[in-house]
Amino acid sequence: MKSGSIEFNGRTIACLIRKQSDTGASLEVASPLGIPAQFTLLIGADRLRHGCTVIWRTERLIGVKFH
């Protein structure tokens, strides 16, 4: 697991990256409420930024595909 940040509209929400591939990831968050369908994912350890689109949500997880 890696730590990450979800960025949108000047806001930042911390997340844990549970699984990651070349095309997407599953992210654990305290609550998915208020997180939009598209945002930027920052992965600090890898110094990467990915534009993301949400493809599924559960109570604490968000599945995204990278642009």
Protein backbone atom coordinates (compact mmCIF):
# COMPACT_ATOMS: atom_id res chain seq x y z
CA MET A 1 0.00 0.00 0.00
CA LYS A 2 1.05 3.54 -0.77
CA SER A 3 -0.27 6.85 0.46
CA GLY A 4 -1.73 9.28 -2.01
CA SER A 5 -3.80 12.43 -2.34
CA ILE A 6 -6.96 13.11 -4.30
CA GLU A 7 -7.01 16.68 -5.65
CA PHE A 8 -10.00 18.56 -7.07
CA ASN A 9 -11.30 22.13 -6.99
CA GLY A 10 -8.45 23.27 -4.74
CA ARG A 11 -9.17 20.54 -2.17
CA THR A 12 -6.95 17.62 -1.14
CA ILE A 13 -8.16 14.37 0.42
CA ALA A 14 -5.75 11.72 1.73
CA CYS A 15 -6.13 8.16 0.48
CA LEU A 16 -4.39 4.79 0.52
CA ILE A 17 -3.68 3.11 -2.80
CA ARG A 18 -4.79 -0.49 -2.22
CA LYS A 19 -4.05 -1.83 -5.70
CA GLN A 20 -2.46 -0.17 -8.72
CA SER A 21 -1.90 -1.18 -12.33
CA ASP A 22 -0.80 0.65 -15.45
CA THR A 23 -4.44 1.53 -16.21
CA GLY A 24 -5.98 2.31 -12.82
CA ALA A 25 -6.15 1.81 -9.07
CA SER A 26 -8.40 1.15 -6.10
CA LEU A 27 -8.23 3.84 -3.44
CA GLU A 28 -9.27 3.63 0.20
CA VAL A 29 -10.79 6.81 1.63
CA ALA A 30 -12.50 7.77 4.89
CA SER A 31 -15.64 8.56 2.85
CA PRO A 32 -16.21 8.82 -0.91
CA LEU A 33 -18.90 11.48 -0.40
CA GLY A 34 -18.05 14.73 -2.16
CA ILE A 35 -15.31 13.21 -4.33
CA PRO A 36 -16.18 14.03 -7.95
CA ALA A 37 -16.21 11.65 -10.92
CA GLN A 38 -12.91 13.08 -12.19
CA PHE A 39 -9.89 14.22 -10.17
CA THR A 40 -6.09 14.14 -10.01
CA LEU A 41 -4.36 11.42 -7.98
CA LEU A 42 -0.96 12.28 -6.52
CA ILE A 43 1.32 9.38 -5.56
CA GLY A 44 4.06 10.98 -3.47
CA ALA A 45 6.37 7.96 -3.18
CA ASP A 46 6.52 7.62 -6.98
CA ARG A 47 6.28 11.37 -7.68
CA LEU A 48 3.44 10.70 -10.13
CA ARG A 49 0.24 12.55 -11.03
CA HIS A 50 -2.61 10.75 -12.77
CA GLY A 51 -5.83 12.18 -14.12
CA CYS A 52 -8.55 9.76 -12.96
CA THR A 53 -12.15 8.86 -13.73
CA VAL A 54 -14.17 6.97 -11.11
CA ILE A 55 -15.54 3.66 -12.41
CA TRP A 56 -16.98 2.28 -9.15
CA ARG A 57 -17.48 3.22 -5.49
CA THR A 58 -18.21 1.41 -2.23
CA GLU A 59 -18.43 2.66 1.35
CA ARG A 60 -14.64 3.18 1.67
CA LEU A 61 -13.17 2.28 -1.73
CA ILE A 62 -13.07 4.04 -5.10
CA GLY A 63 -12.01 2.32 -8.32
CA VAL A 64 -10.48 4.62 -10.92
CA LYS A 65 -9.06 4.40 -14.42
CA PHE A 66 -6.14 6.61 -15.41
CA HIS A 67 -6.43 9.02 -18.36
